[in-house]
Amino acid sequence: MNTNSKIYVAGHRGLVGSAIVNNLKSKGYSNLVYRSSSELDLRDAKSVAAFFEAEKPEYVFLAAAKVGGIVANTTYRADFIYENLMIQNNVIHQAYVHGVKKLLFLGSTCIYPKNCPQPMKEEYLLTDVLEYTNEPYAIAKIAGIKMCESYNLQYGTNFISVMPTNLYGPNDNFDLEKSHVLPALIRKMHLGKALEQNDWKTVRADLNELPIEGVDGNASEAEIRAVLGNYGINSSSPFGGGQEADSVRVEIWGSGKPMREFLWSEDMADACVFIMEHRDFTDVTPSAVEGERPEVRNTHINIGTGEDISIKDLAYLVKQTVGFKGELYFNSDKPDGTMKKLTDVSKLKELGWEYQVNLTKGLKQAYHWYLF
């Protein structure tokens, strides 16, 4: 890529897409193209074809996807597989049809088996059953990897797949009905802190910015307390007149034992741009032996830190960062999901990239972004 290359970032308003746009701009790329979901429905094949015909991008970052945590993945299984397959199929196919020089497809480490050996190497893909709670989403992302590989092998395209670990950062999704674990923890403890300080101004401002189940800051205290209770943010008694609540308890799904890896979204974006600038599909394919045609599999690249933390330790780290002083309750009746998900990032390191922002620093930055 050069700074005048026409680059399409699909999903530019999301956590990853917005970080990619900012990274590209910081490096002098000026010919960027994007559309909001209201302007271009990536699930619609005709609309996507018309967009590529009109804009003719040279490079594509495919960061658009329907994403969510355990609750969303369990509730909207059909939506997750259908919408992600449609988005991928349309964008990847039109990139081929219109001669895009290089495409970067973003997946997720949930593609790996539920009981995958740790750390998870790229070669472990499709070696065992998937975690049930996010199986539809994972299958869609696996299909995206195989679509990129197959188009490269049949048509000679240069489509690369990257599998990021759990991401967090600016423009994260803090909707408690659909968010991933880390932004959900930040918001729940932020609201819990406000409750224990009897700070209804903060509670109402938060709900006006992002209502929960249709309840915004104009609702009564009883309505607000009830809807927060639905998401595990519980105050022990009504209060007013300047008195602090007796106690506030925040519920967290699961035992707290699962281990998770987290990567600052701007680090993820930097890795994506680095790969687009410096690496090709041929860099992650096996060398041919004379007289043989090698099987080409697992050409995707893990992107992560190679370090993990338990959900329990993460929750207490978020608690410290936010300044919440109440109780944390781990509800073991709720699902844990996969017990350990740590990426092997050896391939990425060999390609020449490593992360920069550690979790302690990243959490402070994420909470600051949420506040302002």
Protein backbone atom coordinates (compact mmCIF):
# COMPACT_ATOMS: atom_id res chain seq x y z
CA MET A 1 0.00 0.00 0.00
CA ASN A 2 1.03 3.59 -0.49
CA THR A 3 -0.51 6.68 1.07
CA ASN A 4 -2.62 7.36 -2.03
CA SER A 5 -4.00 3.82 -2.31
CA LYS A 6 -7.79 3.61 -2.18
CA ILE A 7 -8.59 1.66 0.98
CA TYR A 8 -12.04 0.45 2.03
CA VAL A 9 -12.57 -0.18 5.75
CA ALA A 10 -15.75 -2.20 6.25
CA GLY A 11 -17.09 -1.69 9.76
CA HIS A 12 -15.32 1.64 10.29
CA ARG A 13 -17.48 2.66 13.26
CA GLY A 14 -16.83 -0.47 15.32
CA LEU A 15 -14.17 -1.24 17.87
CA VAL A 16 -11.65 -2.62 15.37
CA GLY A 17 -12.65 -0.67 12.26
CA SER A 18 -12.42 2.72 13.94
CA ALA A 19 -9.00 1.84 15.32
CA ILE A 20 -7.83 0.77 11.84
CA VAL A 21 -9.06 4.07 10.35
CA ASN A 22 -7.20 6.05 13.02
CA ASN A 23 -4.02 4.02 12.50
CA LEU A 24 -4.14 4.49 8.74
CA LYS A 25 -4.68 8.24 9.09
CA SER A 26 -1.79 8.52 11.56
CA LYS A 27 0.47 6.90 8.96
CA GLY A 28 -0.53 9.30 6.20
CA TYR A 29 -3.11 7.24 4.32
CA SER A 30 -5.61 9.74 2.96
CA ASN A 31 -7.74 7.94 0.36
CA LEU A 32 -10.03 6.04 2.71
CA VAL A 33 -13.52 4.84 1.83
CA TYR A 34 -16.23 3.72 4.22
CA ARG A 35 -19.98 3.51 4.55
CA SER A 36 -22.21 3.25 7.59
CA SER A 37 -24.60 0.30 7.84
CA SER A 38 -27.49 2.64 7.00
CA GLU A 39 -25.70 3.69 3.81
CA LEU A 40 -24.60 0.21 2.73
CA ASP A 41 -26.12 -3.06 3.91
CA LEU A 42 -23.28 -5.54 3.56
CA ARG A 43 -25.76 -8.40 3.82
CA ASP A 44 -27.25 -7.36 0.47
CA ALA A 45 -25.30 -8.78 -2.48
CA LYS A 46 -26.56 -6.27 -5.07
CA SER A 47 -25.73 -3.28 -2.89
CA VAL A 48 -22.23 -4.56 -2.19
CA ALA A 49 -21.61 -5.26 -5.88
CA ALA A 50 -22.76 -1.74 -6.79
CA PHE A 51 -20.50 -0.23 -4.13
CA PHE A 52 -17.40 -2.05 -5.40
CA GLU A 53 -18.24 -1.14 -8.99
CA ALA A 54 -18.57 2.53 -8.09
CA GLU A 55 -15.62 2.88 -5.69
CA LYS A 56 -13.15 0.26 -6.97
CA PRO A 57 -11.06 0.03 -3.77
CA GLU A 58 -7.53 -1.34 -4.10
CA TYR A 59 -7.29 -2.66 -0.54
CA VAL A 60 -9.98 -3.88 1.87
CA PHE A 61 -10.07 -4.31 5.64
CA LEU A 62 -13.09 -6.50 6.43
CA ALA A 63 -13.81 -5.57 10.05
CA ALA A 64 -17.61 -5.51 9.74
CA ALA A 65 -19.38 -8.25 11.70
CA LYS A 66 -22.23 -8.97 14.06
CA VAL A 67 -20.56 -9.52 17.44
CA GLY A 68 -21.55 -9.97 21.07
CA GLY A 69 -20.94 -11.80 24.32
CA ILE A 70 -22.33 -15.06 25.72
CA VAL A 71 -25.84 -13.70 26.21
CA ALA A 72 -26.11 -12.33 22.66
CA ASN A 73 -24.50 -15.40 21.06
CA THR A 74 -26.85 -17.72 22.92
CA THR A 75 -29.99 -15.68 22.20
CA TYR A 76 -29.44 -14.68 18.58
CA ARG A 77 -27.81 -17.82 17.15
CA ALA A 78 -29.52 -17.59 13.74
CA ASP A 79 -28.69 -13.89 13.38
CA PHE A 80 -25.04 -14.48 14.18
CA ILE A 81 -24.46 -17.18 11.58
CA TYR A 82 -26.65 -15.66 8.85
CA GLU A 83 -25.50 -12.06 9.05
CA ASN A 84 -21.79 -12.86 9.34
CA LEU A 85 -21.89 -15.33 6.46
CA MET A 86 -23.69 -12.82 4.25
CA ILE A 87 -21.31 -9.98 5.06
CA GLN A 88 -18.24 -12.13 4.40
CA ASN A 89 -19.55 -13.77 1.25
CA ASN A 90 -20.50 -10.47 -0.35
CA VAL A 91 -17.37 -8.49 0.48
CA ILE A 92 -14.84 -11.25 -0.22
CA HIS A 93 -16.49 -12.22 -3.51
CA GLN A 94 -16.74 -8.64 -4.76
CA ALA A 95 -13.11 -8.05 -3.78
CA TYR A 96 -12.22 -10.89 -6.14
CA VAL A 97 -14.58 -9.73 -8.91
CA HIS A 98 -13.18 -6.19 -8.85
CA GLY A 99 -9.50 -7.11 -8.60
CA VAL A 100 -8.74 -5.89 -5.08
CA LYS A 101 -4.97 -6.14 -4.55
CA LYS A 102 -5.19 -7.34 -0.95
CA LEU A 103 -7.91 -8.03 1.59
CA LEU A 104 -7.60 -8.54 5.33
CA PHE A 105 -10.41 -10.59 6.91
CA LEU A 106 -10.87 -10.33 10.67
CA GLY A 107 -12.18 -13.32 12.58
CA SER A 108 -11.95 -14.38 16.22
CA THR A 109 -10.12 -16.93 18.34
CA CYS A 110 -13.50 -18.53 19.13
CA ILE A 111 -12.84 -20.51 15.91
CA TYR A 112 -10.73 -22.94 17.97
CA PRO A 113 -12.11 -26.08 19.65
CA LYS A 114 -13.66 -25.82 23.10
CA ASN A 115 -10.97 -28.02 24.63
CA CYS A 116 -8.15 -26.76 22.44
CA PRO A 117 -4.57 -27.37 23.61
CA GLN A 118 -3.04 -24.22 25.07
CA PRO A 119 -1.71 -21.92 23.82
CA MET A 120 -3.82 -22.19 20.67
CA LYS A 121 -1.77 -22.62 17.52
CA GLU A 122 -3.20 -21.91 14.08
CA GLU A 123 -2.83 -25.60 13.23
CA TYR A 124 -5.43 -26.57 15.88
CA LEU A 125 -8.31 -25.25 13.77
CA LEU A 126 -11.00 -27.91 13.09
CA THR A 127 -9.39 -30.55 15.29
CA ASP A 128 -12.33 -30.91 17.74
CA VAL A 129 -15.82 -29.61 18.59
CA LEU A 130 -16.49 -25.91 19.16
CA GLU A 131 -17.77 -24.19 22.29
CA TYR A 132 -21.57 -24.48 22.00
CA THR A 133 -22.48 -20.97 23.16
CA ASN A 134 -20.74 -19.25 20.22
CA GLU A 135 -20.78 -22.08 17.68
CA PRO A 136 -22.81 -20.21 14.99
CA TYR A 137 -20.47 -17.21 15.07
CA ALA A 138 -17.38 -19.42 15.08
CA ILE A 139 -18.61 -21.45 12.10
CA ALA A 140 -19.21 -18.25 10.15
CA LYS A 141 -15.67 -17.06 10.86
CA ILE A 142 -14.18 -20.43 9.93
CA ALA A 143 -16.06 -20.18 6.64
CA GLY A 144 -14.46 -16.77 6.09
CA ILE A 145 -10.98 -18.20 6.60
CA LYS A 146 -11.66 -21.02 4.16
CA MET A 147 -13.22 -18.64 1.66
CA CYS A 148 -10.07 -16.50 1.65
CA GLU A 149 -7.84 -19.56 1.31
CA SER A 150 -9.98 -21.01 -1.47
CA TYR A 151 -10.12 -17.81 -3.53
CA ASN A 152 -6.35 -17.44 -3.16
CA LEU A 153 -5.76 -20.99 -4.38
CA GLN A 154 -8.25 -20.93 -7.23
CA TYR A 155 -8.04 -17.32 -8.39
CA GLY A 156 -4.63 -16.14 -7.19
CA THR A 157 -6.02 -13.45 -4.92
CA ASN A 158 -4.11 -12.08 -1.93
CA PHE A 159 -6.61 -12.42 0.91
CA ILE A 160 -5.24 -12.78 4.46
CA SER A 161 -7.18 -13.83 7.58
CA VAL A 162 -6.28 -12.70 11.08
CA MET A 163 -7.78 -14.03 14.31
CA PRO A 164 -7.67 -11.48 17.13
CA THR A 165 -8.05 -12.44 20.75
CA ASN A 166 -10.58 -10.60 22.97
CA LEU A 167 -10.38 -6.90 22.14
CA TYR A 168 -11.22 -3.78 24.10
CA GLY A 169 -10.77 -0.05 23.63
CA PRO A 170 -12.36 3.10 22.12
CA ASN A 171 -15.79 2.57 20.50
CA ASP A 172 -16.32 -0.70 22.34
CA ASN A 173 -19.89 -1.95 22.81
CA PHE A 174 -21.09 -1.16 26.35
CA ASP A 175 -24.67 -2.35 25.80
CA LEU A 176 -25.22 -4.74 28.71
CA GLU A 177 -27.61 -6.82 26.60
CA LYS A 178 -24.95 -7.52 23.95
CA SER A 179 -21.49 -6.56 25.18
CA HIS A 180 -18.42 -8.70 25.76
CA VAL A 181 -17.13 -9.35 29.25
CA LEU A 182 -14.64 -6.49 29.67
CA PRO A 183 -16.80 -3.52 28.58
CA ALA A 184 -19.70 -5.06 30.53
CA LEU A 185 -17.55 -5.17 33.67
CA ILE A 186 -16.48 -1.56 33.20
CA ARG A 187 -20.02 -0.29 32.82
CA LYS A 188 -21.52 -2.42 35.58
CA MET A 189 -18.91 -1.27 38.08
CA HIS A 190 -19.18 2.34 36.91
CA LEU A 191 -22.92 2.23 37.60
CA GLY A 192 -22.32 0.35 40.86
CA LYS A 193 -19.91 3.05 41.98
CA ALA A 194 -22.48 5.73 41.20
CA LEU A 195 -25.14 3.87 43.19
CA GLU A 196 -22.94 3.43 46.25
CA GLN A 197 -22.16 7.16 46.14
CA ASN A 198 -25.87 8.02 45.73
CA ASP A 199 -24.86 9.77 42.50
CA TRP A 200 -28.10 9.66 40.53
CA LYS A 201 -26.90 12.36 38.17
CA THR A 202 -24.22 9.97 36.87
CA VAL A 203 -26.63 7.02 36.74
CA ARG A 204 -29.20 8.99 34.74
CA ALA A 205 -26.59 10.44 32.38
CA ASP A 206 -25.25 6.95 31.69
CA LEU A 207 -28.72 5.59 30.88
CA ASN A 208 -29.55 8.58 28.70
CA GLU A 209 -26.43 7.84 26.68
CA LEU A 210 -27.16 4.13 26.42
CA PRO A 211 -30.59 2.95 27.69
CA ILE A 212 -31.01 -0.57 29.03
CA GLU A 213 -34.08 -2.44 27.79
CA GLY A 214 -35.60 0.90 26.83
CA VAL A 215 -35.09 2.38 30.30
CA ASP A 216 -33.29 5.73 30.17
CA GLY A 217 -32.36 8.39 32.69
CA ASN A 218 -35.87 9.84 32.77
CA ALA A 219 -37.28 6.73 34.44
CA SER A 220 -38.06 6.55 38.14
CA GLU A 221 -35.47 5.40 40.64
CA ALA A 222 -37.46 2.22 41.16
CA GLU A 223 -37.52 1.45 37.41
CA ILE A 224 -33.82 2.15 37.07
CA ARG A 225 -32.95 0.05 40.10
CA ALA A 226 -35.05 -2.79 38.72
CA VAL A 227 -33.48 -2.85 35.27
CA LEU A 228 -29.98 -2.60 36.73
CA GLY A 229 -30.87 -5.53 38.94
CA ASN A 230 -31.69 -7.54 35.83
CA TYR A 231 -28.02 -7.21 34.87
CA GLY A 232 -26.59 -7.96 38.29
CA ILE A 233 -26.16 -4.42 39.64
CA ASN A 234 -27.97 -4.55 42.98
CA SER A 235 -28.23 -1.99 45.77
CA SER A 236 -29.43 -3.33 49.10
CA SER A 237 -31.94 -0.62 50.00
CA PRO A 238 -33.62 2.57 48.73
CA PHE A 239 -31.75 5.67 49.66
CA GLY A 240 -31.99 9.42 49.40
CA GLY A 241 -31.37 12.58 51.32
CA GLY A 242 -27.62 12.39 50.81
CA GLN A 243 -27.20 8.99 52.46
CA GLU A 244 -25.02 6.38 50.80
CA ALA A 245 -26.43 2.96 49.97
CA ASP A 246 -25.84 0.26 52.57
CA SER A 247 -24.10 -1.83 49.94
CA VAL A 248 -23.96 -2.49 46.22
CA ARG A 249 -23.28 -5.90 44.73
CA VAL A 250 -22.27 -6.59 41.14
CA GLU A 251 -22.98 -10.05 39.76
CA ILE A 252 -20.60 -11.64 37.26
CA TRP A 253 -21.60 -14.63 35.18
CA GLY A 254 -19.71 -17.84 35.86
CA SER A 255 -17.24 -19.02 38.45
CA GLY A 256 -14.54 -16.50 37.61
CA LYS A 257 -12.13 -19.34 36.84
CA PRO A 258 -11.97 -19.13 33.01
CA MET A 259 -8.77 -17.59 31.66
CA ARG A 260 -8.96 -14.94 28.98
CA GLU A 261 -6.52 -12.91 26.92
CA PHE A 262 -7.16 -9.25 26.10
CA LEU A 263 -5.63 -6.97 23.48
CA TRP A 264 -5.94 -3.18 23.24
CA SER A 265 -7.84 -2.42 20.02
CA GLU A 266 -5.30 0.13 18.80
CA ASP A 267 -2.58 -2.51 19.07
CA MET A 268 -4.81 -4.81 17.03
CA ALA A 269 -5.23 -2.12 14.40
CA ASP A 270 -1.50 -1.58 14.22
CA ALA A 271 -0.98 -5.31 13.66
CA CYS A 272 -3.56 -5.32 10.86
CA VAL A 273 -2.00 -2.37 9.07
CA PHE A 274 1.47 -3.88 9.53
CA ILE A 275 0.35 -7.13 7.90
CA MET A 276 -1.31 -5.29 5.01
CA GLU A 277 1.83 -3.23 4.44
CA HIS A 278 4.45 -5.94 4.77
CA ARG A 279 3.04 -9.44 4.37
CA ASP A 280 1.25 -11.48 1.67
CA PHE A 281 -0.65 -14.76 1.55
CA THR A 282 2.48 -16.50 0.29
CA ASP A 283 4.23 -15.62 3.56
CA VAL A 284 1.92 -17.94 5.50
CA THR A 285 1.68 -20.86 3.07
CA PRO A 286 3.85 -24.00 3.12
CA SER A 287 6.72 -24.30 0.68
CA ALA A 288 6.11 -26.67 -2.20
CA VAL A 289 8.17 -29.83 -2.46
CA GLU A 290 9.22 -30.75 -6.00
CA GLY A 291 6.70 -33.10 -7.55
CA GLU A 292 4.11 -32.54 -4.81
CA ARG A 293 1.26 -30.14 -4.32
CA PRO A 294 1.09 -29.28 -0.59
CA GLU A 295 -2.18 -29.00 1.25
CA VAL A 296 -2.77 -25.37 2.16
CA ARG A 297 -4.48 -25.07 5.53
CA ASN A 298 -4.43 -22.83 8.57
CA THR A 299 -3.00 -19.82 6.79
CA HIS A 300 -4.68 -17.43 9.23
CA ILE A 301 -2.62 -15.45 11.74
CA ASN A 302 -3.37 -15.20 15.47
CA ILE A 303 -3.17 -11.68 16.88
CA GLY A 304 -2.84 -11.36 20.64
CA THR A 305 -0.53 -10.85 23.59
CA GLY A 306 0.24 -14.46 24.48
CA GLU A 307 -0.71 -13.61 28.10
CA ASP A 308 -3.97 -14.31 29.96
CA ILE A 309 -5.81 -13.53 33.19
CA SER A 310 -8.70 -15.18 35.06
CA ILE A 311 -12.11 -13.54 34.85
CA LYS A 312 -12.00 -13.19 38.65
CA ASP A 313 -8.67 -11.35 38.60
CA LEU A 314 -9.89 -9.25 35.67
CA ALA A 315 -13.02 -8.28 37.59
CA TYR A 316 -10.98 -7.14 40.59
CA LEU A 317 -8.62 -5.23 38.31
CA VAL A 318 -11.60 -3.44 36.74
CA LYS A 319 -13.00 -2.79 40.22
CA GLN A 320 -9.73 -1.13 41.24
CA THR A 321 -9.51 0.87 38.01
CA VAL A 322 -13.09 2.17 38.26
CA GLY A 323 -12.96 2.77 42.02
CA PHE A 324 -15.97 0.60 42.85
CA LYS A 325 -15.92 -0.47 46.50
CA GLY A 326 -18.86 -2.87 46.63
CA GLU A 327 -19.07 -6.65 46.51
CA LEU A 328 -18.42 -8.85 43.50
CA TYR A 329 -20.57 -11.98 43.25
CA PHE A 330 -19.59 -14.77 40.87
CA ASN A 331 -22.72 -16.68 39.85
CA SER A 332 -21.54 -20.20 39.09
CA ASP A 333 -25.04 -21.17 37.95
CA LYS A 334 -24.34 -19.15 34.78
CA PRO A 335 -22.14 -20.57 31.98
CA ASP A 336 -18.38 -20.13 32.04
CA GLY A 337 -17.79 -20.75 28.36
CA THR A 338 -14.41 -22.16 27.35
CA MET A 339 -12.16 -22.46 30.41
CA LYS A 340 -8.98 -21.22 28.74
CA LYS A 341 -8.33 -19.34 25.50
CA LEU A 342 -4.76 -18.23 25.03
CA THR A 343 -3.33 -17.61 21.59
CA ASP A 344 0.03 -18.78 20.38
CA VAL A 345 1.42 -15.66 18.69
CA SER A 346 4.65 -17.23 17.42
CA LYS A 347 3.68 -16.79 13.76
CA LEU A 348 2.91 -13.10 14.28
CA LYS A 349 6.20 -12.52 16.09
CA GLU A 350 8.07 -14.26 13.28
CA LEU A 351 6.37 -11.90 10.84
CA GLY A 352 7.75 -8.99 12.87
CA TRP A 353 5.05 -7.58 15.17
CA GLU A 354 4.42 -7.56 18.97
CA TYR A 355 1.86 -5.76 21.17
CA GLN A 356 2.68 -2.62 23.19
CA VAL A 357 -0.17 -1.79 25.64
CA ASN A 358 -0.49 -4.00 28.73
CA LEU A 359 -3.84 -4.70 30.39
CA THR A 360 -3.39 -2.40 33.38
CA LYS A 361 -2.62 0.59 31.17
CA GLY A 362 -5.27 -0.37 28.63
CA LEU A 363 -8.02 -0.62 31.26
CA LYS A 364 -7.27 2.89 32.50
CA GLN A 365 -7.44 4.17 28.93
CA ALA A 366 -10.66 2.27 28.21
CA TYR A 367 -12.39 3.63 31.33
CA HIS A 368 -11.23 7.16 30.54
CA TRP A 369 -12.69 6.80 27.04
CA TYR A 370 -15.97 5.53 28.48
CA LEU A 371 -16.22 8.51 30.83
CA PHE A 372 -15.51 11.10 28.16
